[in-house]
């Protein structure tokens, strides 16, 4: 695929991704506000807890999706329909087995629910709530296997637009149900029905878009191809275990050792972090199909240059966002839903630090996926997950909420250094020294910048009002981005990004001129 075509599809994915994400953020924010004021934080905590429990059960998906997605890059680039059909057939069968395993494990977990939830005295129907969450999770496996082909085709915007429309419909329905009934069970049932409708529609749309997926005569993959995929899956199993230990266990530990209401309070912070993460992820996920194509077609030198640009983008986007979170989190939560929903500052800062570390790790992770580098660091996630769970369990009993995130932080340090080493050694076949130097300098820069801006803006956080918050936000955005511009505007990565942004703007202007 030509370079211009890759850029065009990536730009389209980013544009529609942002449109969809802004709509999603707005609708979710409104629905969350209504939820808190009609039902309360305890039910919000149950909602977050069961989401994480089912997330842990998704370990059965392991690395199947990632491995087969990687296998799709070349046949999609070469328009090898027979190979695509064979891979999608394998994908379909695998995900049906996954759905069955998740169902069995999910039902087996029912007797242990009381041990995972602390602080729900007087709340009924816990089992029914959980079963609805289980149904939502299992039903998704009958559709999501098809998303891999859309991503490999670099047409993520198609799914984005469907999800955006569905989000608006579901959020409006949730708001109406919460306002009229103020009942968590009715809320979950309405959500389940509407999400099922979305899944059915999406499956039908993809079948229509790619009619060859309905062919019954897809051939089996060759043994060598199947063996390679199985090898990749085995390595990715370990990676997935590490990811889940970081992303899914914190709320479960908080619920079991502190109380489920605190899970609800933390979820308000995670909602905002999730919204910003989605905005950043849109950029990198929109280009990951292009990266797969890029790795297949381009030279090592070009790959290293692109990695440098992506790492700089990650530093800017995640670093800028982290500064804003540290300065703006507490004032915003206080104004939005009240001071009684605040967690302590130390826990808030640890949440933001973990967000930044995860973001930096995910940028380089895109290259491991695009390049199929799965086996070389497969034991690191096991070590990471053990350290995370053990330290979080120890620290939560001594330090409370801060201890949970402290365990996550410590366990994240090794993969943040080791993953780049693997990518640079085995994919780019070059030294990691330059990357590590930049990485350390960038993180020191972020720490100093955050402390400086927090000190300068502290008077605005006292007795905060909406007017003060708006001024605080403007100052934080201008200072953080201004300092990055001052210190990094002469780097080749910044110059490359500037050139690309100007190219995109010029392209938009030219298209507008043609349509007039």
Foldseek 3Di string as FASTA:
>chain_A
DDPVVLLVLLVLLLVLLVVLLVLLLVLVLVLVLLLCVLQHLLVLLLVQQLVLVLVVLLLLVQCLLLLLLLVVQVCLVVVVVLVVLQSLVVLQVSLLVSLVSSVVVLVVCLVVVVLLADDQPPDPDSVVLSVLSNLLSSLLSNFCSLVSNCLLNLNVSVVSVLVSVLSVVLSVVLSVCCVPPSDPNVSSVSNSVSSSVSRVVNRVVSCVVPVCNPDPPRDHDDPVVVVVSVVLSVLSSLVSLLVSLLPRCLSSLLRNPPHSSLSSLVVVLVSVLVSLVSSLVSSLSSSLSVLLVCLVPHALVVNVVVLVLLLVSLLLSLLLVLLCQLQQVQLVCCASPHNVSDDDSLLSNLVSLLSSLVSSLVSLVSLCSSQVVRHPCSCLSVQLSVQLVVQLNVQCVPPNSSSNSVSSVVSSVVSSPVSLCSCCCPRSVDDCVVVVVVVVVSVVVSVVLSVVLNVVLVVLSPVHDPVSSVVSSVSSSCSSVVVCCVVPVPDPSNVVVVVVVVVVVVVVVVVVVVVD
